[in-house]
C-alpha atoms as a PDB file:
ATOM      1  CA  MET A   1     -13.281  -0.961   5.701  1.00  0.00           C
ATOM      2  CA  PHE A   2     -12.508  -0.017   1.754  1.00  0.00           C
ATOM      3  CA  VAL A   3     -14.622  -1.720  -1.400  1.00  0.00           C
ATOM      4  CA  LYS A   4     -12.826  -1.139  -4.560  1.00  0.00           C
ATOM      5  CA  LEU A   5     -14.850  -2.079  -7.896  1.00  0.00           C
ATOM      6  CA  VAL A   6     -13.118  -3.173 -10.450  1.00  0.00           C
ATOM      7  CA  LYS A   7     -14.973  -3.003 -14.155  1.00  0.00           C
ATOM      8  CA  ASP A   8     -13.476  -5.875 -16.195  1.00  0.00           C
ATOM      9  CA  ASN A   9     -14.831  -8.342 -18.429  1.00  0.00           C
ATOM     10  CA  ALA A  10     -16.814  -9.410 -15.630  1.00  0.00           C
ATOM     11  CA  PRO A  11     -17.386  -6.731 -12.539  1.00  0.00           C
ATOM     12  CA  ARG A  12     -15.599  -7.998  -9.643  1.00  0.00           C
ATOM     13  CA  TYR A  13     -14.440  -6.588  -5.961  1.00  0.00           C
ATOM     14  CA  GLY A  14     -12.260  -6.462  -2.974  1.00  0.00           C
ATOM     15  CA  THR A  15     -11.870  -5.272   0.380  1.00  0.00           C
ATOM     16  CA  SER A  16      -9.721  -4.305   2.552  1.00  0.00           C
ATOM     17  CA  ASN A  17      -8.696  -4.992   5.575  1.00  0.00           C
ATOM     18  CA  ILE A  18     -10.835  -4.064   8.790  1.00  0.00           C
ATOM     19  CA  PHE A  19      -8.259  -1.034  10.446  1.00  0.00           C
ATOM     20  CA  ASP A  20      -9.378  -0.986  14.339  1.00  0.00           C
ATOM     21  CA  VAL A  21      -7.178  -0.044  17.061  1.00  0.00           C
ATOM     22  CA  ARG A  22      -7.610  -3.166  18.345  1.00  0.00           C
ATOM     23  CA  ASN A  23      -6.165  -5.007  16.171  1.00  0.00           C
ATOM     24  CA  LEU A  24      -3.210  -6.790  17.562  1.00  0.00           C
ATOM     25  CA  GLY A  25      -1.483  -5.865  14.172  1.00  0.00           C
ATOM     26  CA  ASN A  26      -2.032  -2.012  14.943  1.00  0.00           C
ATOM     27  CA  GLN A  27      -1.878  -0.862  11.361  1.00  0.00           C
ATOM     28  CA  LEU A  28      -2.958   2.754  13.301  1.00  0.00           C
ATOM     29  CA  TYR A  29       0.469   4.250  11.519  1.00  0.00           C
ATOM     30  CA  ASP A  30      -0.240   2.687   7.912  1.00  0.00           C
ATOM     31  CA  VAL A  31      -4.287   4.406   8.482  1.00  0.00           C
ATOM     32  CA  LEU A  32      -2.500   7.674   9.463  1.00  0.00           C
ATOM     33  CA  ARG A  33       0.182   8.165   6.729  1.00  0.00           C
ATOM     34  CA  ILE A  34      -2.578   7.014   3.939  1.00  0.00           C
ATOM     35  CA  LEU A  35      -4.964  10.111   5.509  1.00  0.00           C
ATOM     36  CA  LYS A  36      -1.844  12.438   5.478  1.00  0.00           C
ATOM     37  CA  ARG A  37      -1.101  12.058   2.327  1.00  0.00           C
ATOM     38  CA  LEU A  38      -5.112  12.607   0.982  1.00  0.00           C
ATOM     39  CA  SER A  39      -5.010  16.059   3.281  1.00  0.00           C
ATOM     40  CA  GLN A  40      -2.110  16.548   0.807  1.00  0.00           C
ATOM     41  CA  LEU A  41      -4.435  16.110  -2.287  1.00  0.00           C
ATOM     42  CA  ASP A  42      -5.507  19.030  -4.045  1.00  0.00           C
END
């Protein structure tokens, strides 16, 4: 799970979906794509 803080007049935060192999939607490929993209950043 990822948490994102948005600094605004009133600070607020949002959470991401919980990525799990057992998730029926199986978003594993989305996670792998994001990790691959992050590994390519310098």
